[in-house]
Amino acid sequence: MIWEDGPVADTQVFDVAIVGAGIAGSALAAALAGRGLAIALVEAQPLVRPDLPASLDIGTFDPRVSAITPRSRQLLQELGAWRAVESYRSCPYRHMSVWDADGTGCIEFDCADVNATALGYIVENRALVGALLERVLAAADITTFGGVGLQACSRDEVAQAMQLQLADGAALRADLLVAADGALSRVREMLDFRTREWDYGHRAIVTTVQVERHHQDTAWQRFLPSGPLAFLPLPGASGRHYCSIVWSLREELVDDLLALDEPAFCAALGAAFEHRLGAVQACSARFAFPLRQRHAVDYIQPGVALVADAAHTIHPLAGQGINLGLQDVAVLAEEVSAGLARGSSPGQLDVLRRYQRRRKGENLAMMAAMDGFKRLFEQEALPLRWLRNVGMRGVGQLKPLKQQLMRHAMGVL
């Protein structure tokens, strides 16, 4: 099915063109496959499956991991990608422990309280990309343009379609253009989507560590005055216990920590974590990235939709960014499919407005909640410290409220 009035010479025509073949872009291409659509997937980097080391040495882990909720896992199962993720490696977390460094406030979550087998799954990003790319490359109705960037894009009002120019000179036309090209989206910039954004003045250090004791299938998070610190469980072997670290810190502290040698960094990290898992024995290469919140004022224009980080970025303290992006993908695929059943083309505004209406409010609510948590826990005034500690203890003692929070975090409301 091609929604066009006749191609311009040398222009390849598609129903949907997706720019960005990361987790969200590949997931959307896979979700739209098999629906009678001609799909283009454009990616500036070569489209090759990432290497997935078989050994469980500390240096083999991807420093970028995602906390996949049961809701997102279900989507990946429907796309046929989850089995490949599991066949590589992932780690379910069944418990969550959150506590305040300034006081006695603490909340413990357990999957048994909501009759679930896991609260979520820690998965290396390259495993997700590899599993989704496998589905994309196997689909006959997806044409890939790997290793070539987007040079320009614009709306052709005569053809009522989006026109794309690639860096190698190729020209594409699509009824619907989807920006899945990340937080610094070129599509969003080229088409003048407005955003509201601010810099937190923090950076996040990510690395993999080996710890003395088993992580107990628990995602741990400690709120420090300098920012939240998360220890996320990873698979281990032969008595070696690993966690992925996300340590959010004020800008001025990050460079000093990155400059430390490995033993000194491990000692500082262990102290910040109160040695909950014993000594931090080793760490892999450390990386840092800036934390910035960003939200597009509109997710859509005629013939264009933004998804995932191209539409919104969120503080990583609850690991919800990837899950919000995957739900964008699921909803956009649903609305395109429903539109086809009504006789609407993928890029029609009635289809895109339904997508925006379903996703924008939920994303804004989660962003506001995460921003509020972040700001609350960085306050050092004694009354606020007392209030948040009392609040954490109170939530921990109110089982129905705690269950509701867990279900919301798991995406099963």
Protein backbone atom coordinates (compact mmCIF):
# COMPACT_ATOMS: atom_id res chain seq x y z
CA MET A 1 0.00 0.00 0.00
CA ILE A 2 1.61 3.29 -1.09
CA TRP A 3 -0.10 6.54 -0.15
CA GLU A 4 1.09 8.92 -2.89
CA ASP A 5 0.01 10.61 -6.08
CA GLY A 6 2.93 9.47 -8.23
CA PRO A 7 6.65 9.53 -7.45
CA VAL A 8 9.11 12.15 -8.60
CA ALA A 9 11.87 10.63 -10.76
CA ASP A 10 14.57 8.88 -8.68
CA THR A 11 12.52 9.31 -5.50
CA GLN A 12 11.80 6.17 -3.49
CA VAL A 13 8.28 6.23 -2.10
CA PHE A 14 7.16 4.79 1.25
CA ASP A 15 4.15 4.92 3.49
CA VAL A 16 6.28 5.45 6.61
CA ALA A 17 9.88 6.66 6.93
CA ILE A 18 11.48 6.29 10.36
CA VAL A 19 14.67 8.22 11.10
CA GLY A 20 16.73 6.56 13.83
CA ALA A 21 17.22 2.81 14.26
CA GLY A 22 17.84 2.73 17.98
CA ILE A 23 15.50 0.95 20.37
CA ALA A 24 12.43 3.11 19.62
CA GLY A 25 12.93 3.38 15.85
CA SER A 26 13.62 -0.32 15.36
CA ALA A 27 10.70 -1.24 17.63
CA LEU A 28 8.34 0.97 15.62
CA ALA A 29 9.51 -0.50 12.31
CA ALA A 30 8.96 -4.00 13.69
CA ALA A 31 5.54 -3.02 15.07
CA LEU A 32 4.39 -1.67 11.69
CA ALA A 33 5.75 -4.60 9.68
CA GLY A 34 3.19 -6.99 8.23
CA ARG A 35 0.43 -4.36 7.98
CA GLY A 36 0.67 -3.81 4.23
CA LEU A 37 2.86 -0.72 4.54
CA ALA A 38 6.11 0.13 2.77
CA ILE A 39 8.50 1.20 5.55
CA ALA A 40 11.89 2.93 5.35
CA LEU A 41 14.30 2.89 8.30
CA VAL A 42 17.11 5.45 8.09
CA GLU A 43 20.12 5.33 10.42
CA ALA A 44 23.33 7.35 10.30
CA GLN A 45 25.35 4.46 11.77
CA PRO A 46 25.86 1.16 9.93
CA LEU A 47 23.00 -1.26 10.61
CA VAL A 48 24.89 -4.25 11.96
CA ARG A 49 23.97 -6.37 14.95
CA PRO A 50 26.17 -5.41 17.92
CA ASP A 51 28.64 -7.93 19.28
CA LEU A 52 27.22 -9.77 22.29
CA PRO A 53 30.10 -11.20 24.33
CA ALA A 54 29.41 -14.63 25.79
CA SER A 55 31.63 -14.27 28.85
CA LEU A 56 30.50 -12.65 32.09
CA ASP A 57 33.64 -10.62 32.70
CA ILE A 58 33.16 -7.11 34.04
CA GLY A 59 34.42 -5.48 30.86
CA THR A 60 31.89 -7.26 28.64
CA PHE A 61 28.80 -5.45 29.94
CA ASP A 62 27.30 -2.52 28.07
CA PRO A 63 27.48 0.50 30.42
CA ARG A 64 24.10 1.58 29.04
CA VAL A 65 21.28 -0.49 30.49
CA SER A 66 17.51 -0.12 30.64
CA ALA A 67 15.03 -1.07 33.35
CA ILE A 68 12.32 -2.75 31.28
CA THR A 69 8.86 -2.85 32.89
CA PRO A 70 6.51 -5.83 32.49
CA ARG A 71 4.43 -3.67 30.15
CA SER A 72 7.42 -2.98 27.91
CA ARG A 73 8.46 -6.62 28.09
CA GLN A 74 5.02 -7.58 26.77
CA LEU A 75 5.49 -5.26 23.78
CA LEU A 76 8.91 -6.78 23.07
CA GLN A 77 7.36 -10.24 23.28
CA GLU A 78 4.66 -9.23 20.78
CA LEU A 79 7.39 -7.98 18.43
CA GLY A 80 9.22 -11.31 18.71
CA ALA A 81 12.30 -9.65 20.23
CA TRP A 82 12.17 -10.66 23.88
CA ARG A 83 13.27 -14.26 23.35
CA ALA A 84 16.51 -13.05 21.76
CA VAL A 85 17.10 -10.69 24.71
CA GLU A 86 16.58 -13.51 27.20
CA SER A 87 18.76 -15.91 25.21
CA TYR A 88 21.61 -13.41 25.61
CA ARG A 89 21.33 -12.10 29.16
CA SER A 90 19.01 -10.03 31.31
CA CYS A 91 18.40 -9.83 35.03
CA PRO A 92 14.94 -9.66 36.61
CA TYR A 93 14.64 -7.57 39.73
CA ARG A 94 12.05 -8.75 42.20
CA HIS A 95 12.65 -6.17 44.91
CA MET A 96 13.41 -2.47 45.11
CA SER A 97 14.98 -0.63 48.02
CA VAL A 98 14.91 3.17 48.14
CA TRP A 99 16.28 5.21 51.02
CA ASP A 100 17.24 8.76 51.97
CA ALA A 101 20.83 9.49 52.94
CA ASP A 102 19.62 12.23 55.31
CA GLY A 103 17.55 10.33 57.84
CA THR A 104 15.75 7.04 58.26
CA GLY A 105 13.23 7.22 55.41
CA CYS A 106 13.12 3.99 53.42
CA ILE A 107 10.67 2.13 51.16
CA GLU A 108 10.95 -1.54 50.24
CA PHE A 109 9.03 -2.94 47.27
CA ASP A 110 8.49 -6.64 46.56
CA CYS A 111 6.94 -8.15 43.43
CA ALA A 112 5.05 -10.67 45.59
CA ASP A 113 2.96 -7.78 46.95
CA VAL A 114 1.36 -7.37 43.51
CA ASN A 115 1.35 -11.08 42.59
CA ALA A 116 4.06 -10.61 39.96
CA THR A 117 7.17 -12.61 39.20
CA ALA A 118 9.31 -9.48 38.74
CA LEU A 119 9.09 -5.70 39.07
CA GLY A 120 11.17 -5.34 35.93
CA TYR A 121 14.23 -6.49 34.01
CA ILE A 122 17.66 -4.91 33.67
CA VAL A 123 18.75 -5.31 30.05
CA GLU A 124 21.83 -4.06 28.24
CA ASN A 125 20.87 -1.60 25.51
CA ARG A 126 22.92 -3.38 22.87
CA ALA A 127 20.95 -6.58 23.53
CA LEU A 128 17.70 -4.69 22.91
CA VAL A 129 19.05 -3.07 19.76
CA GLY A 130 20.38 -6.39 18.46
CA ALA A 131 17.12 -8.26 19.10
CA LEU A 132 15.00 -5.57 17.44
CA LEU A 133 17.37 -5.18 14.50
CA GLU A 134 17.11 -8.91 13.90
CA ARG A 135 13.35 -8.51 13.48
CA VAL A 136 13.78 -5.49 11.22
CA LEU A 137 16.27 -7.16 8.88
CA ALA A 138 14.00 -10.20 8.55
CA ALA A 139 10.97 -8.14 7.47
CA ALA A 140 10.35 -7.99 3.71
CA ASP A 141 8.38 -4.73 3.94
CA ILE A 142 11.15 -2.74 5.68
CA THR A 143 13.84 -1.11 3.52
CA THR A 144 16.89 -0.07 5.53
CA PHE A 145 19.24 2.82 4.80
CA GLY A 146 22.17 2.20 7.12
CA GLY A 147 25.32 4.27 7.45
CA VAL A 148 23.72 7.31 5.84
CA GLY A 149 22.48 10.37 7.65
CA LEU A 150 19.54 12.67 7.00
CA GLN A 151 20.57 15.75 5.04
CA ALA A 152 17.23 17.56 4.83
CA CYS A 153 13.50 17.05 5.19
CA SER A 154 10.49 19.15 4.34
CA ARG A 155 6.78 19.02 3.64
CA ASP A 156 5.73 18.76 -0.01
CA GLU A 157 2.32 20.43 0.14
CA VAL A 158 1.48 19.53 -3.46
CA ALA A 159 2.02 15.81 -2.90
CA GLN A 160 0.84 16.05 0.73
CA ALA A 161 3.89 14.01 1.77
CA MET A 162 7.24 14.38 3.50
CA GLN A 163 10.35 14.68 1.36
CA LEU A 164 13.70 13.40 2.72
CA GLN A 165 17.16 13.96 1.30
CA LEU A 166 19.87 11.59 2.57
CA ALA A 167 23.57 12.35 2.83
CA ASP A 168 24.39 9.99 -0.06
CA GLY A 169 22.00 11.84 -2.38
CA ALA A 170 19.09 9.40 -2.11
CA ALA A 171 15.62 10.99 -2.09
CA LEU A 172 12.70 9.48 -0.19
CA ARG A 173 9.05 10.43 0.02
CA ALA A 174 6.77 9.22 2.80
CA ASP A 175 3.22 9.84 3.90
CA LEU A 176 4.43 9.72 7.52
CA LEU A 177 7.86 10.72 8.80
CA VAL A 178 8.68 9.53 12.33
CA ALA A 179 11.51 11.12 14.28
CA ALA A 180 13.09 8.43 16.47
CA ASP A 181 16.54 9.98 16.28
CA GLY A 182 17.07 10.72 19.95
CA ALA A 183 17.31 13.66 22.30
CA LEU A 184 19.24 15.79 19.79
CA SER A 185 16.81 14.96 17.00
CA ARG A 186 17.76 16.45 13.63
CA VAL A 187 14.23 15.90 12.35
CA ARG A 188 12.80 17.90 15.24
CA GLU A 189 15.31 20.67 14.60
CA MET A 190 14.87 20.75 10.81
CA LEU A 191 11.08 20.98 11.10
CA ASP A 192 11.18 23.67 13.83
CA PHE A 193 9.35 21.76 16.56
CA ARG A 194 9.42 23.92 19.69
CA THR A 195 10.63 22.42 22.98
CA ARG A 196 10.63 23.36 26.63
CA GLU A 197 13.85 22.29 28.30
CA TRP A 198 16.24 22.96 31.14
CA ASP A 199 19.62 21.74 32.29
CA TYR A 200 19.73 20.11 35.72
CA GLY A 201 23.37 21.10 36.25
CA HIS A 202 24.04 17.40 36.89
CA ARG A 203 25.79 14.64 35.01
CA ALA A 204 25.33 10.90 35.45
CA ILE A 205 28.28 8.54 35.78
CA VAL A 206 27.63 5.06 34.39
CA THR A 207 29.78 1.99 34.82
CA THR A 208 29.63 -1.69 35.74
CA VAL A 209 30.95 -2.80 39.12
CA GLN A 210 31.80 -6.06 40.80
CA VAL A 211 30.56 -6.20 44.39
CA GLU A 212 31.37 -8.47 47.28
CA ARG A 213 27.86 -9.80 47.91
CA HIS A 214 24.96 -10.87 45.69
CA HIS A 215 22.54 -8.08 44.76
CA GLN A 216 19.54 -10.14 45.98
CA ASP A 217 17.64 -9.49 42.71
CA THR A 218 17.12 -5.96 44.02
CA ALA A 219 17.29 -2.55 42.36
CA TRP A 220 18.84 -0.25 44.95
CA GLN A 221 18.59 3.54 45.02
CA ARG A 222 19.97 5.94 47.59
CA PHE A 223 19.07 9.62 47.51
CA LEU A 224 22.13 11.69 48.39
CA PRO A 225 22.24 15.49 48.72
CA SER A 226 24.44 15.52 45.60
CA GLY A 227 22.00 13.36 43.60
CA PRO A 228 20.55 9.82 43.41
CA LEU A 229 22.76 6.72 43.20
CA ALA A 230 21.39 3.48 41.71
CA PHE A 231 22.83 -0.04 41.84
CA LEU A 232 20.99 -2.17 39.27
CA PRO A 233 21.37 -5.97 39.29
CA LEU A 234 23.16 -7.79 36.48
CA PRO A 235 23.76 -11.50 35.83
CA GLY A 236 26.78 -13.01 37.56
CA ALA A 237 28.74 -16.25 37.47
CA SER A 238 31.28 -18.25 39.48
CA GLY A 239 30.86 -16.20 42.62
CA ARG A 240 31.20 -12.88 40.80
CA HIS A 241 28.42 -10.38 41.47
CA TYR A 242 27.81 -7.42 39.16
CA CYS A 243 25.71 -4.26 39.19
CA SER A 244 25.21 -1.45 36.72
CA ILE A 245 25.70 1.97 38.27
CA VAL A 246 23.93 5.24 37.51
CA TRP A 247 25.28 7.97 39.79
CA SER A 248 23.76 11.42 39.25
CA LEU A 249 25.90 14.21 40.64
CA ARG A 250 26.30 17.95 40.58
CA GLU A 251 28.47 19.02 37.66
CA GLU A 252 31.42 20.10 39.81
CA LEU A 253 31.75 16.67 41.47
CA VAL A 254 31.80 14.51 38.35
CA ASP A 255 35.23 15.38 36.95
CA ASP A 256 36.89 14.76 40.31
CA LEU A 257 35.34 11.29 40.55
CA LEU A 258 36.24 10.43 36.97
CA ALA A 259 39.84 11.48 37.66
CA LEU A 260 40.21 8.97 40.52
CA ASP A 261 42.01 5.71 39.85
CA GLU A 262 39.92 2.54 40.01
CA PRO A 263 40.54 1.62 43.70
CA ALA A 264 39.81 5.18 44.86
CA PHE A 265 36.66 5.42 42.76
CA CYS A 266 35.43 2.04 44.03
CA ALA A 267 36.06 3.16 47.62
CA ALA A 268 34.14 6.41 47.09
CA LEU A 269 31.28 4.56 45.42
CA GLY A 270 31.08 1.96 48.19
CA ALA A 271 30.97 4.67 50.85
CA ALA A 272 28.22 6.55 49.00
CA PHE A 273 26.23 3.30 48.89
CA GLU A 274 26.86 2.54 52.58
CA HIS A 275 28.50 -0.75 51.51
CA ARG A 276 25.07 -2.39 51.27
CA LEU A 277 26.58 -5.12 49.07
CA GLY A 278 29.96 -5.20 50.76
CA ALA A 279 33.04 -3.79 49.08
CA VAL A 280 32.97 -2.49 45.52
CA GLN A 281 35.81 -4.64 44.22
CA ALA A 282 36.25 -3.45 40.63
CA CYS A 283 34.70 -1.25 37.97
CA SER A 284 34.73 -1.10 34.19
CA ALA A 285 35.37 2.03 32.13
CA ARG A 286 33.44 5.03 33.41
CA PHE A 287 31.39 7.40 31.27
CA ALA A 288 29.40 10.53 32.08
CA PHE A 289 26.55 12.25 30.28
CA PRO A 290 24.69 15.51 31.01
CA LEU A 291 21.18 15.44 32.45
CA ARG A 292 18.68 17.65 30.70
CA GLN A 293 14.90 17.59 30.71
CA ARG A 294 13.25 18.31 27.39
CA HIS A 295 9.68 18.12 26.12
CA ALA A 296 8.33 18.99 22.69
CA VAL A 297 5.43 21.43 22.82
CA ASP A 298 3.78 19.35 20.08
CA TYR A 299 4.56 15.76 19.14
CA ILE A 300 3.07 16.08 15.67
CA GLN A 301 2.86 18.16 12.52
CA PRO A 302 1.03 17.20 9.32
CA GLY A 303 2.76 14.01 8.22
CA VAL A 304 5.26 13.98 11.11
CA ALA A 305 5.39 12.38 14.57
CA LEU A 306 8.05 12.52 17.28
CA VAL A 307 8.57 9.46 19.50
CA ALA A 308 10.69 8.58 22.53
CA ASP A 309 13.67 10.85 23.27
CA ALA A 310 12.95 12.97 20.21
CA ALA A 311 9.71 13.98 21.96
CA HIS A 312 10.77 13.91 25.61
CA THR A 313 13.74 13.25 27.86
CA ILE A 314 13.41 12.60 31.56
CA HIS A 315 15.65 12.41 34.63
CA PRO A 316 16.99 8.81 34.86
CA LEU A 317 16.30 8.38 38.59
CA ALA A 318 13.40 5.94 38.03
CA GLY A 319 14.57 4.42 34.74
CA GLN A 320 11.31 5.33 33.00
CA GLY A 321 12.68 6.97 29.86
CA ILE A 322 12.93 3.83 27.72
CA ASN A 323 9.51 2.62 28.87
CA LEU A 324 7.81 5.90 27.97
CA GLY A 325 9.45 5.68 24.55
CA LEU A 326 8.29 2.11 23.97
CA GLN A 327 4.74 3.10 24.90
CA ASP A 328 4.94 5.93 22.35
CA VAL A 329 5.86 3.27 19.80
CA ALA A 330 3.01 0.95 20.82
CA VAL A 331 0.39 3.71 20.69
CA LEU A 332 1.57 5.16 17.37
CA ALA A 333 1.52 1.69 15.79
CA GLU A 334 -1.98 1.09 17.18
CA GLU A 335 -3.29 4.40 15.84
CA VAL A 336 -1.73 3.91 12.39
CA SER A 337 -3.30 0.44 12.23
CA ALA A 338 -6.68 1.75 13.39
CA GLY A 339 -6.44 4.56 10.84
CA LEU A 340 -5.79 2.10 8.03
CA ALA A 341 -8.95 0.24 9.04
CA ARG A 342 -10.88 3.54 8.73
CA GLY A 343 -9.31 4.32 5.37
CA SER A 344 -6.93 6.97 6.71
CA SER A 345 -3.33 7.18 5.55
CA PRO A 346 -0.58 6.93 8.22
CA GLY A 347 0.28 10.63 8.12
CA GLN A 348 -3.24 12.04 8.35
CA LEU A 349 -3.77 14.47 11.19
CA ASP A 350 -6.69 12.54 12.67
CA VAL A 351 -4.35 9.56 13.17
CA LEU A 352 -1.54 11.66 14.61
CA ARG A 353 -3.80 13.68 16.91
CA ARG A 354 -5.05 10.47 18.50
CA TYR A 355 -1.44 9.43 19.13
CA GLN A 356 -0.55 12.78 20.69
CA ARG A 357 -3.68 12.84 22.84
CA ARG A 358 -2.94 9.39 24.28
CA ARG A 359 0.76 9.94 24.97
CA LYS A 360 1.41 13.57 25.80
CA GLY A 361 -0.47 13.70 29.10
CA GLU A 362 1.01 10.47 30.42
CA ASN A 363 4.53 11.55 29.51
CA LEU A 364 4.09 14.96 31.10
CA ALA A 365 2.73 13.42 34.30
CA MET A 366 5.71 11.08 34.61
CA MET A 367 8.16 13.88 33.83
CA ALA A 368 6.59 16.12 36.46
CA ALA A 369 6.69 13.34 39.06
CA MET A 370 10.35 12.55 38.41
CA ASP A 371 11.31 16.21 38.43
CA GLY A 372 9.42 16.67 41.70
CA PHE A 373 11.16 13.70 43.33
CA LYS A 374 14.53 14.95 42.17
CA ARG A 375 13.95 18.45 43.56
CA LEU A 376 12.46 17.19 46.83
CA PHE A 377 15.41 14.95 47.62
CA GLU A 378 18.04 17.59 46.88
CA GLN A 379 16.55 19.95 49.47
CA GLU A 380 18.65 20.11 52.64
CA ALA A 381 16.38 22.29 54.78
CA LEU A 382 15.60 20.39 58.00
CA PRO A 383 11.76 20.64 57.76
CA LEU A 384 11.79 19.21 54.24
CA ARG A 385 14.21 16.44 55.21
CA TRP A 386 11.93 15.51 58.10
CA LEU A 387 8.84 15.64 55.88
CA ARG A 388 10.23 13.37 53.16
CA ASN A 389 11.50 10.84 55.71
CA VAL A 390 8.09 10.72 57.40
CA GLY A 391 6.48 10.45 53.98
CA MET A 392 8.69 7.54 52.91
CA ARG A 393 8.02 5.65 56.12
CA GLY A 394 4.29 6.33 55.76
CA VAL A 395 4.15 5.04 52.19
CA GLY A 396 6.06 1.95 53.28
CA GLN A 397 3.43 1.21 55.92
CA LEU A 398 0.39 1.78 53.67
CA LYS A 399 0.22 -1.41 51.62
CA PRO A 400 -2.57 -0.32 49.20
CA LEU A 401 -0.69 2.89 48.35
CA LYS A 402 2.57 1.02 47.95
CA GLN A 403 0.88 -1.52 45.67
CA GLN A 404 -0.53 1.31 43.56
CA LEU A 405 2.92 2.87 43.22
CA MET A 406 4.39 -0.47 42.18
CA ARG A 407 1.71 -1.11 39.56
CA HIS A 408 2.23 2.37 38.14
CA ALA A 409 6.01 1.90 37.96
CA MET A 410 5.50 -1.51 36.31
CA GLY A 411 3.14 -0.02 33.72
CA VAL A 412 0.31 -2.40 34.62
CA LEU A 413 -2.36 0.10 35.64
